[in-house]
Amino acid sequence: MNSECLLKWSKLLEYDFFRLYSQHLMLYSPPTYSGRDISKTKKGNNSDFPVFRKNLYTQEIILFILEQVRLGEKTKNQIMEDYRIPKTTLYKWLEKYKEKI
């Protein structure tokens, strides 16, 4: 399905189908340089273009990940490995969202 058709369906059904895809990209994208200095590039990269990784996690993604831990579907270590989430970030989420999960 092309994006124009998906946009029409999103408007018609009043649901953001693009969010599903963008959240999937954020979760499963490969790790890259996370700095903001545009003069630096990734080590070993011969390109002159900087490489960025935005660590933006929506509330839905955070709650989904924490729900997996709560239900025992994945361990904390599996979450950190599969989604490349730092240990400190995961534990901060567990503390912050403990009432919601």
Protein backbone atom coordinates (compact mmCIF):
# COMPACT_ATOMS: atom_id res chain seq x y z
CA MET A 1 0.00 0.00 0.00
CA ASN A 2 1.48 3.34 -0.92
CA SER A 3 1.72 6.20 1.58
CA GLU A 4 -0.90 8.33 -0.16
CA CYS A 5 -3.49 5.58 0.19
CA LEU A 6 -2.48 4.97 3.80
CA LEU A 7 -2.83 8.69 4.53
CA LYS A 8 -6.36 8.68 3.09
CA TRP A 9 -7.32 5.69 5.25
CA SER A 10 -5.77 7.36 8.29
CA LYS A 11 -7.86 10.46 7.72
CA LEU A 12 -11.01 8.49 6.99
CA LEU A 13 -10.70 6.26 10.06
CA GLU A 14 -9.16 9.01 12.21
CA TYR A 15 -6.31 6.72 13.20
CA ASP A 16 -2.58 7.33 12.74
CA PHE A 17 -1.35 4.22 10.91
CA PHE A 18 2.04 5.87 10.38
CA ARG A 19 2.69 5.85 14.12
CA LEU A 20 2.74 2.04 14.15
CA TYR A 21 5.48 1.99 11.53
CA SER A 22 7.54 4.80 13.07
CA GLN A 23 7.43 3.15 16.52
CA HIS A 24 8.61 -0.10 14.99
CA LEU A 25 11.51 1.73 13.34
CA MET A 26 12.52 3.33 16.64
CA LEU A 27 12.50 0.01 18.47
CA TYR A 28 14.38 -2.04 15.91
CA SER A 29 16.74 0.48 14.34
CA PRO A 30 20.42 -0.38 14.61
CA PRO A 31 22.51 1.54 17.15
CA THR A 32 24.36 4.52 15.78
CA TYR A 33 26.21 7.57 17.04
CA SER A 34 23.95 9.48 19.44
CA GLY A 35 25.83 12.78 19.70
CA ARG A 36 24.53 16.09 18.48
CA ASP A 37 27.79 17.51 17.18
CA ILE A 38 27.28 17.54 13.42
CA SER A 39 31.01 17.80 12.80
CA LYS A 40 31.58 14.28 14.16
CA THR A 41 30.85 11.17 12.18
CA LYS A 42 30.64 7.53 13.17
CA LYS A 43 34.00 5.77 13.63
CA GLY A 44 35.13 3.98 10.55
CA ASN A 45 32.54 5.76 8.43
CA ASN A 46 34.11 7.26 5.32
CA SER A 47 31.09 9.41 4.70
CA ASP A 48 31.12 13.13 5.47
CA PHE A 49 27.54 12.93 6.71
CA PRO A 50 26.88 12.77 10.46
CA VAL A 51 25.01 9.79 11.85
CA PHE A 52 22.31 10.39 14.46
CA ARG A 53 20.09 8.18 16.56
CA LYS A 54 17.13 9.73 18.27
CA ASN A 55 16.20 7.92 21.43
CA LEU A 56 12.57 8.92 21.46
CA TYR A 57 10.28 6.54 23.21
CA THR A 58 6.58 7.28 23.24
CA GLN A 59 4.47 6.45 26.26
CA GLU A 60 2.93 3.54 24.34
CA ILE A 61 6.35 2.02 23.64
CA ILE A 62 7.48 2.43 27.25
CA LEU A 63 4.31 0.84 28.61
CA PHE A 64 4.54 -1.99 26.06
CA ILE A 65 8.11 -2.77 27.14
CA LEU A 66 7.28 -2.58 30.84
CA GLU A 67 4.25 -4.81 30.33
CA GLN A 68 6.52 -7.46 28.81
CA VAL A 69 8.67 -7.36 31.94
CA ARG A 70 5.66 -7.45 34.27
CA LEU A 71 4.06 -10.42 32.52
CA GLY A 72 7.36 -12.29 32.41
CA GLU A 73 7.41 -12.46 28.61
CA LYS A 74 10.94 -11.04 28.63
CA THR A 75 13.54 -10.49 31.31
CA LYS A 76 15.12 -7.10 31.92
CA ASN A 77 18.31 -8.33 30.25
CA GLN A 78 16.38 -9.49 27.18
CA ILE A 79 14.70 -6.07 26.95
CA MET A 80 18.06 -4.32 27.13
CA GLU A 81 19.55 -6.58 24.45
CA ASP A 82 16.56 -6.73 22.09
CA TYR A 83 15.64 -3.05 22.15
CA ARG A 84 19.10 -1.65 23.00
CA ILE A 85 17.77 0.28 25.96
CA PRO A 86 20.37 1.27 28.56
CA LYS A 87 20.05 -0.36 31.97
CA THR A 88 19.64 2.97 33.75
CA THR A 89 16.85 4.01 31.40
CA LEU A 90 14.95 0.78 31.93
CA TYR A 91 15.21 1.00 35.71
CA LYS A 92 14.12 4.66 35.65
CA TRP A 93 11.06 3.65 33.62
CA LEU A 94 10.28 0.84 36.06
CA GLU A 95 10.38 3.29 38.95
CA LYS A 96 8.51 6.08 37.18
CA TYR A 97 5.72 3.96 35.69
CA LYS A 98 5.27 1.39 38.47
CA GLU A 99 1.70 2.58 39.13
CA LYS A 100 0.70 2.24 35.47
CA ILE A 101 1.88 -1.33 34.94
